[in-house]
C-alpha cells in the first residue's frame, strides 16, 4: 500500500514527532506497541477524498496522553499507493501523539 519513497509525518511536540519513511514508520509502530500495549484507537469518522486520499478522525485511550486523546490522519494517494501521510494531534497543543 505504501510507495517506496512515501513519507509519514507524525506531527506534534513529543519524542516520536518526525518524518518517517515506510520502514522506519513500521519500526515506530512496533515501538509504540511495546510502550503502550493497552492502546485502544477508535475510528470516529472516515472521509474518502476520492482517488487522492482519505481523512480519518481518531479518538484513543491508553496511549501517550495521560487520558483520552484525539487526532486526524490524512493520506495522500497516487497510483493506488500511499505517497504521504500526516498524523496530527488535535489536543494539548501536540504534546502527545494520539
N, C-alpha and C. Protein backbone atom coordinates (compact mmCIF):
# COMPACT_ATOMS: atom_id res chain seq x y z
N UNK A 1 0.81 -1.20 0.00
CA UNK A 1 0.00 0.00 0.00
C UNK A 1 0.85 1.27 0.00
N UNK A 2 2.10 1.21 0.43
CA UNK A 2 2.96 2.38 0.51
C UNK A 2 3.92 2.42 -0.67
N UNK A 3 4.11 3.62 -1.25
CA UNK A 3 5.13 3.75 -2.27
C UNK A 3 6.49 3.69 -1.59
N UNK A 4 7.51 3.29 -2.33
CA UNK A 4 8.84 3.14 -1.74
C UNK A 4 9.39 4.44 -1.17
N UNK A 5 9.00 5.58 -1.74
CA UNK A 5 9.53 6.85 -1.28
C UNK A 5 8.50 7.66 -0.48
N UNK A 6 7.50 6.97 0.06
CA UNK A 6 6.46 7.64 0.86
C UNK A 6 7.07 8.28 2.11
N UNK A 7 6.36 9.29 2.63
CA UNK A 7 6.77 9.96 3.86
C UNK A 7 5.56 10.04 4.78
N UNK A 8 5.75 9.64 6.04
CA UNK A 8 4.72 9.76 7.06
C UNK A 8 5.18 10.83 8.04
N UNK A 9 4.35 11.87 8.22
CA UNK A 9 4.65 12.98 9.11
C UNK A 9 3.89 12.78 10.42
N UNK A 10 4.59 12.43 11.46
CA UNK A 10 3.98 12.34 12.79
C UNK A 10 4.26 13.68 13.45
N UNK A 11 3.24 14.53 13.49
CA UNK A 11 3.42 15.91 13.96
C UNK A 11 3.23 16.01 15.45
N UNK A 12 3.63 17.11 16.01
CA UNK A 12 3.45 17.38 17.43
C UNK A 12 4.75 17.74 18.09
N UNK A 13 4.69 17.78 19.41
CA UNK A 13 5.83 18.17 20.24
C UNK A 13 6.10 17.05 21.24
N UNK A 14 6.46 15.88 20.74
CA UNK A 14 6.73 14.71 21.58
C UNK A 14 7.89 13.95 20.97
N UNK A 15 8.39 12.95 21.67
CA UNK A 15 9.63 12.29 21.23
C UNK A 15 9.52 11.49 19.93
N UNK A 16 8.33 11.16 19.50
CA UNK A 16 8.17 10.40 18.25
C UNK A 16 7.84 11.29 17.06
N UNK A 17 7.68 12.60 17.28
CA UNK A 17 7.31 13.52 16.20
C UNK A 17 8.49 13.71 15.26
N UNK A 18 8.30 13.27 14.02
CA UNK A 18 9.29 13.46 12.95
C UNK A 18 8.72 12.87 11.68
N UNK A 19 9.48 12.93 10.60
CA UNK A 19 9.09 12.32 9.34
C UNK A 19 9.69 10.93 9.25
N UNK A 20 8.91 10.00 8.71
CA UNK A 20 9.33 8.60 8.61
C UNK A 20 9.21 8.10 7.18
N UNK A 21 10.16 7.28 6.75
CA UNK A 21 9.98 6.52 5.52
C UNK A 21 9.17 5.27 5.91
N UNK A 22 8.69 4.49 4.93
CA UNK A 22 7.84 3.34 5.29
C UNK A 22 8.49 2.39 6.30
N UNK A 23 9.75 2.03 6.13
CA UNK A 23 10.39 1.08 7.05
C UNK A 23 10.47 1.65 8.47
N UNK A 24 10.90 2.90 8.59
CA UNK A 24 11.03 3.48 9.94
C UNK A 24 9.67 3.73 10.56
N UNK A 25 8.65 3.98 9.73
CA UNK A 25 7.29 4.15 10.25
C UNK A 25 6.81 2.86 10.92
N UNK A 26 7.01 1.73 10.25
CA UNK A 26 6.57 0.46 10.83
C UNK A 26 7.42 0.08 12.04
N UNK A 27 8.68 0.46 12.06
CA UNK A 27 9.51 0.25 13.26
C UNK A 27 8.96 1.08 14.43
N UNK A 28 8.56 2.33 14.15
CA UNK A 28 7.99 3.18 15.18
C UNK A 28 6.69 2.58 15.71
N UNK A 29 5.87 2.01 14.83
CA UNK A 29 4.64 1.37 15.29
C UNK A 29 4.94 0.20 16.23
N UNK A 30 6.01 -0.54 15.96
CA UNK A 30 6.42 -1.62 16.86
C UNK A 30 6.83 -1.08 18.22
N UNK A 31 7.57 0.02 18.22
CA UNK A 31 7.96 0.68 19.47
C UNK A 31 6.73 1.16 20.22
N UNK A 32 5.77 1.74 19.49
CA UNK A 32 4.52 2.21 20.10
C UNK A 32 3.80 1.03 20.78
N UNK A 33 3.72 -0.10 20.11
CA UNK A 33 3.04 -1.28 20.66
C UNK A 33 3.74 -1.77 21.92
N UNK A 34 5.07 -1.67 21.97
CA UNK A 34 5.80 -2.06 23.18
C UNK A 34 5.54 -1.09 24.32
N UNK A 35 5.55 0.20 24.03
CA UNK A 35 5.34 1.22 25.07
C UNK A 35 3.92 1.25 25.59
N UNK A 36 2.96 1.04 24.70
CA UNK A 36 1.54 1.21 25.04
C UNK A 36 0.74 -0.04 24.65
N UNK A 37 0.99 -1.16 25.32
CA UNK A 37 0.34 -2.40 24.91
C UNK A 37 -1.19 -2.41 25.09
N UNK A 38 -1.73 -1.48 25.89
CA UNK A 38 -3.18 -1.42 26.10
C UNK A 38 -3.84 -0.35 25.24
N UNK A 39 -3.11 0.24 24.30
CA UNK A 39 -3.62 1.31 23.44
C UNK A 39 -4.89 0.88 22.73
N UNK A 40 -5.90 1.78 22.75
CA UNK A 40 -7.17 1.49 22.10
C UNK A 40 -7.54 2.66 21.18
N UNK A 41 -7.41 2.50 19.86
CA UNK A 41 -7.86 3.54 18.94
C UNK A 41 -9.33 3.32 18.58
N UNK A 42 -10.05 4.41 18.42
CA UNK A 42 -11.44 4.32 17.96
C UNK A 42 -11.57 5.25 16.76
N UNK A 43 -11.89 4.70 15.62
CA UNK A 43 -12.01 5.46 14.40
C UNK A 43 -13.40 6.07 14.35
N UNK A 44 -13.48 7.39 14.54
CA UNK A 44 -14.76 8.08 14.68
C UNK A 44 -15.38 8.46 13.34
N UNK A 45 -14.56 8.81 12.40
CA UNK A 45 -15.08 9.26 11.11
C UNK A 45 -14.01 9.04 10.04
N UNK A 46 -14.44 8.64 8.89
CA UNK A 46 -13.52 8.50 7.76
C UNK A 46 -14.14 9.21 6.57
N UNK A 47 -13.34 9.99 5.88
CA UNK A 47 -13.81 10.68 4.68
C UNK A 47 -12.95 10.25 3.50
N UNK A 48 -13.62 9.73 2.53
CA UNK A 48 -12.95 9.35 1.29
C UNK A 48 -12.75 10.62 0.47
N UNK A 49 -11.53 10.90 0.10
CA UNK A 49 -11.22 12.06 -0.71
C UNK A 49 -11.02 11.66 -2.17
N UNK A 50 -11.68 10.58 -2.55
CA UNK A 50 -11.56 10.09 -3.91
C UNK A 50 -10.25 9.35 -4.10
N UNK A 51 -9.74 9.35 -5.30
CA UNK A 51 -8.50 8.63 -5.59
C UNK A 51 -7.29 9.31 -4.97
N UNK A 52 -7.47 10.54 -4.47
CA UNK A 52 -6.33 11.29 -3.94
C UNK A 52 -6.02 10.98 -2.48
N UNK A 53 -6.96 10.38 -1.73
CA UNK A 53 -6.63 10.10 -0.35
C UNK A 53 -7.82 9.89 0.55
N UNK A 54 -7.54 10.00 1.86
CA UNK A 54 -8.56 9.79 2.87
C UNK A 54 -8.19 10.58 4.12
N UNK A 55 -9.21 10.90 4.91
CA UNK A 55 -9.01 11.54 6.20
C UNK A 55 -9.74 10.71 7.25
N UNK A 56 -9.08 10.44 8.37
CA UNK A 56 -9.66 9.62 9.43
C UNK A 56 -9.53 10.38 10.75
N UNK A 57 -10.65 10.50 11.47
CA UNK A 57 -10.66 11.12 12.79
C UNK A 57 -10.59 10.01 13.83
N UNK A 58 -9.65 10.15 14.77
CA UNK A 58 -9.41 9.11 15.77
C UNK A 58 -9.55 9.68 17.17
N UNK A 59 -10.13 8.90 18.04
CA UNK A 59 -10.06 9.12 19.48
C UNK A 59 -9.41 7.88 20.06
N UNK A 60 -8.59 8.05 21.08
CA UNK A 60 -7.88 6.90 21.63
C UNK A 60 -7.71 7.02 23.12
N UNK A 61 -7.32 5.92 23.71
CA UNK A 61 -7.01 5.89 25.14
C UNK A 61 -5.87 4.92 25.36
N UNK A 62 -5.25 5.03 26.52
CA UNK A 62 -4.15 4.15 26.93
C UNK A 62 -2.91 4.30 26.05
N UNK A 63 -2.76 5.47 25.43
CA UNK A 63 -1.57 5.74 24.63
C UNK A 63 -0.65 6.70 25.35
N UNK A 64 -0.02 7.57 24.61
CA UNK A 64 0.96 8.50 25.14
C UNK A 64 0.33 9.54 26.07
N UNK A 65 -0.86 10.01 25.75
CA UNK A 65 -1.53 11.04 26.55
C UNK A 65 -1.97 10.48 27.90
N UNK A 66 -2.06 11.33 28.92
CA UNK A 66 -2.47 10.86 30.24
C UNK A 66 -3.96 10.53 30.35
N UNK A 67 -4.72 10.78 29.32
CA UNK A 67 -6.15 10.47 29.28
C UNK A 67 -6.57 10.27 27.84
N UNK A 68 -7.84 10.45 27.54
CA UNK A 68 -8.30 10.32 26.16
C UNK A 68 -7.58 11.31 25.25
N UNK A 69 -7.37 10.91 24.01
CA UNK A 69 -6.67 11.73 23.04
C UNK A 69 -7.44 11.71 21.72
N UNK A 70 -7.11 12.66 20.86
CA UNK A 70 -7.76 12.69 19.55
C UNK A 70 -6.79 13.21 18.51
N UNK A 71 -7.12 12.93 17.27
CA UNK A 71 -6.27 13.39 16.18
C UNK A 71 -6.88 13.09 14.84
N UNK A 72 -6.18 13.52 13.82
CA UNK A 72 -6.61 13.32 12.45
C UNK A 72 -5.46 12.68 11.69
N UNK A 73 -5.78 11.70 10.87
CA UNK A 73 -4.79 11.11 9.96
C UNK A 73 -5.25 11.42 8.54
N UNK A 74 -4.32 11.88 7.73
CA UNK A 74 -4.61 12.21 6.34
C UNK A 74 -3.64 11.45 5.46
N UNK A 75 -4.16 10.84 4.42
CA UNK A 75 -3.35 10.07 3.48
C UNK A 75 -3.47 10.69 2.09
N UNK A 76 -2.34 10.91 1.42
CA UNK A 76 -2.32 11.33 0.02
C UNK A 76 -1.94 10.10 -0.80
N UNK A 77 -2.80 9.76 -1.74
CA UNK A 77 -2.64 8.54 -2.52
C UNK A 77 -2.48 8.90 -4.00
N UNK A 78 -1.58 8.21 -4.66
CA UNK A 78 -1.43 8.34 -6.11
C UNK A 78 -1.02 6.99 -6.66
N UNK A 79 -1.57 6.63 -7.79
CA UNK A 79 -1.24 5.35 -8.39
C UNK A 79 -1.60 4.17 -7.51
N UNK A 80 -2.62 4.34 -6.66
CA UNK A 80 -3.06 3.25 -5.80
C UNK A 80 -2.18 3.00 -4.58
N UNK A 81 -1.20 3.88 -4.32
CA UNK A 81 -0.31 3.71 -3.18
C UNK A 81 -0.24 4.99 -2.36
N UNK A 82 -0.03 4.82 -1.06
CA UNK A 82 0.13 5.97 -0.18
C UNK A 82 1.46 6.64 -0.51
N UNK A 83 1.39 7.93 -0.81
CA UNK A 83 2.58 8.71 -1.12
C UNK A 83 3.05 9.52 0.09
N UNK A 84 2.07 9.96 0.89
CA UNK A 84 2.39 10.81 2.03
C UNK A 84 1.25 10.72 3.02
N UNK A 85 1.59 10.85 4.29
CA UNK A 85 0.57 10.82 5.33
C UNK A 85 0.92 11.74 6.47
N UNK A 86 -0.10 12.16 7.18
CA UNK A 86 0.06 13.04 8.32
C UNK A 86 -0.75 12.50 9.49
N UNK A 87 -0.15 12.46 10.67
CA UNK A 87 -0.86 12.18 11.92
C UNK A 87 -0.78 13.47 12.71
N UNK A 88 -1.93 14.11 12.93
CA UNK A 88 -1.99 15.43 13.53
C UNK A 88 -2.79 15.36 14.83
N UNK A 89 -2.13 15.52 15.99
CA UNK A 89 -2.89 15.54 17.24
C UNK A 89 -3.74 16.79 17.30
N UNK A 90 -4.94 16.66 17.85
CA UNK A 90 -5.87 17.78 17.91
C UNK A 90 -6.17 18.21 19.34
N UNK A 91 -5.24 17.97 20.26
CA UNK A 91 -5.45 18.34 21.65
C UNK A 91 -4.10 18.64 22.29
N UNK A 92 -4.10 19.30 23.40
CA UNK A 92 -2.88 19.58 24.20
C UNK A 92 -1.74 20.17 23.41
N UNK A 93 -2.06 20.95 22.39
CA UNK A 93 -1.02 21.62 21.62
C UNK A 93 0.00 20.67 21.00
N UNK A 94 -0.39 19.43 20.75
CA UNK A 94 0.52 18.47 20.13
C UNK A 94 1.52 17.85 21.07
N UNK A 95 1.30 18.00 22.39
CA UNK A 95 2.24 17.46 23.37
C UNK A 95 2.30 15.94 23.37
N UNK A 96 1.24 15.29 22.87
CA UNK A 96 1.17 13.84 22.89
C UNK A 96 0.68 13.33 21.54
N UNK A 97 1.22 12.22 21.09
CA UNK A 97 0.63 11.55 19.93
C UNK A 97 -0.66 10.89 20.39
N UNK A 98 -1.56 10.65 19.49
CA UNK A 98 -2.85 10.06 19.86
C UNK A 98 -2.89 8.57 19.62
